C-alpha atoms as a PDB file:
ATOM      1  CA  MET A   1     227.457  -4.856 126.170  1.00  0.00           C
ATOM      2  CA  GLU A   2     229.740  -2.223 127.700  1.00  0.00           C
ATOM      3  CA  LYS A   3     228.618  -3.231 131.202  1.00  0.00           C
ATOM      4  CA  VAL A   4     229.371  -6.898 130.493  1.00  0.00           C
ATOM      5  CA  ARG A   5     232.801  -5.970 129.063  1.00  0.00           C
ATOM      6  CA  ASP A   6     233.650  -3.862 132.119  1.00  0.00           C
ATOM      7  CA  GLU A   7     232.591  -6.667 134.451  1.00  0.00           C
ATOM      8  CA  ALA A   8     234.596  -9.224 132.477  1.00  0.00           C
ATOM      9  CA  LEU A   9     237.712  -7.039 132.581  1.00  0.00           C
ATOM     10  CA  ALA A  10     237.382  -6.825 136.361  1.00  0.00           C
ATOM     11  CA  LEU A  11     237.808 -10.605 136.650  1.00  0.00           C
ATOM     12  CA  SER A  12     241.102 -12.210 137.597  1.00  0.00           C
ATOM     13  CA  THR A  13     243.430 -13.409 134.851  1.00  0.00           C
ATOM     14  CA  SER A  14     242.400 -17.030 135.237  1.00  0.00           C
ATOM     15  CA  GLU A  15     238.709 -16.116 135.299  1.00  0.00           C
ATOM     16  CA  ARG A  16     239.112 -14.053 132.104  1.00  0.00           C
ATOM     17  CA  ALA A  17     240.980 -16.936 130.438  1.00  0.00           C
ATOM     18  CA  SER A  18     238.215 -19.351 131.382  1.00  0.00           C
ATOM     19  CA  LEU A  19     235.537 -16.946 130.165  1.00  0.00           C
ATOM     20  CA  ALA A  20     237.381 -16.376 126.885  1.00  0.00           C
ATOM     21  CA  HIS A  21     237.588 -20.120 126.359  1.00  0.00           C
ATOM     22  CA  ASP A  22     233.870 -20.532 126.991  1.00  0.00           C
ATOM     23  CA  LEU A  23     232.992 -17.646 124.677  1.00  0.00           C
ATOM     24  CA  ILE A  24     235.143 -19.001 121.855  1.00  0.00           C
ATOM     25  CA  LEU A  25     233.563 -22.419 122.192  1.00  0.00           C
ATOM     26  CA  SER A  26     230.133 -20.809 122.073  1.00  0.00           C
ATOM     27  CA  LEU A  27     230.879 -19.530 118.554  1.00  0.00           C
ATOM     28  CA  ASP A  28     230.954 -23.042 117.163  1.00  0.00           C
ATOM     29  CA  ASN A  29     229.468 -26.351 118.125  1.00  0.00           C
ATOM     30  CA  PRO A  30     231.896 -27.839 120.711  1.00  0.00           C
ATOM     31  CA  ALA A  31     230.798 -31.296 119.588  1.00  0.00           C
ATOM     32  CA  ASN A  32     232.729 -30.609 116.374  1.00  0.00           C
ATOM     33  CA  TYR A  33     235.982 -30.671 118.328  1.00  0.00           C
ATOM     34  CA  THR A  34     237.510 -33.840 119.629  1.00  0.00           C
ATOM     35  CA  LEU A  35     240.731 -33.673 121.573  1.00  0.00           C
ATOM     36  CA  SER A  36     243.060 -36.488 122.418  1.00  0.00           C
ATOM     37  CA  PRO A  37     243.739 -37.261 126.076  1.00  0.00           C
ATOM     38  CA  GLN A  38     247.204 -35.737 125.565  1.00  0.00           C
ATOM     39  CA  GLN A  39     245.697 -32.495 124.258  1.00  0.00           C
ATOM     40  CA  GLU A  40     243.271 -32.320 127.175  1.00  0.00           C
ATOM     41  CA  THR A  41     246.165 -32.879 129.599  1.00  0.00           C
ATOM     42  CA  GLU A  42     248.204 -30.112 127.959  1.00  0.00           C
ATOM     43  CA  ILE A  43     245.288 -27.690 128.130  1.00  0.00           C
ATOM     44  CA  GLN A  44     244.779 -28.430 131.818  1.00  0.00           C
ATOM     45  CA  ARG A  45     248.522 -27.976 132.451  1.00  0.00           C
ATOM     46  CA  ARG A  46     248.478 -24.565 130.784  1.00  0.00           C
ATOM     47  CA  VAL A  47     245.320 -23.467 132.593  1.00  0.00           C
ATOM     48  CA  GLN A  48     246.940 -24.440 135.894  1.00  0.00           C
ATOM     49  CA  MET A  49     250.038 -22.388 135.014  1.00  0.00           C
ATOM     50  CA  VAL A  50     247.825 -19.339 134.427  1.00  0.00           C
ATOM     51  CA  ARG A  51     245.956 -19.891 137.681  1.00  0.00           C
ATOM     52  CA  GLU A  52     249.217 -20.196 139.603  1.00  0.00           C
ATOM     53  CA  GLY A  53     250.685 -17.095 137.987  1.00  0.00           C
ATOM     54  CA  GLN A  54     253.478 -19.098 136.335  1.00  0.00           C
ATOM     55  CA  ALA A  55     252.470 -18.420 132.738  1.00  0.00           C
ATOM     56  CA  THR A  56     254.169 -15.678 130.814  1.00  0.00           C
ATOM     57  CA  GLY A  57     252.496 -13.997 127.923  1.00  0.00           C
ATOM     58  CA  SER A  58     253.429 -11.875 124.956  1.00  0.00           C
ATOM     59  CA  PRO A  59     251.627  -8.836 123.616  1.00  0.00           C
ATOM     60  CA  ALA A  60     249.213  -9.766 120.837  1.00  0.00           C
ATOM     61  CA  GLU A  61     250.984  -7.419 118.418  1.00  0.00           C
ATOM     62  CA  GLU A  62     254.229  -9.390 118.840  1.00  0.00           C
ATOM     63  CA  VAL A  63     252.486 -12.734 118.414  1.00  0.00           C
ATOM     64  CA  PHE A  64     250.673 -11.651 115.248  1.00  0.00           C
ATOM     65  CA  ALA A  65     253.835 -10.078 113.798  1.00  0.00           C
ATOM     66  CA  LYS A  66     255.731 -13.333 114.395  1.00  0.00           C
ATOM     67  CA  ILE A  67     252.975 -15.364 112.722  1.00  0.00           C
ATOM     68  CA  LYS A  68     252.932 -13.018 109.724  1.00  0.00           C
ATOM     69  CA  SER A  69     256.712 -13.194 109.339  1.00  0.00           C
ATOM     70  CA  GLN A  70     256.597 -17.003 109.396  1.00  0.00           C
ATOM     71  CA  ARG A  71     253.942 -17.117 106.688  1.00  0.00           C
ATOM     72  CA  ARG A  72     256.148 -15.278 104.180  1.00  0.00           C
END
């Protein structure tokens, strides 16, 4: 597993994002998820932003802290 992790971390940002998406879908049956055409379009737009280096991210700690503060 360590070898696979090291190889995955060596991928480009867009390749890692695509791999993460595939791995998450593999946890559940993708047939259980139906997306509207608008949702599919939005996903493709965001993927393209990542591939073009236009997407900005936030550290996971900040994202989780924000979610926790909103749940209170």
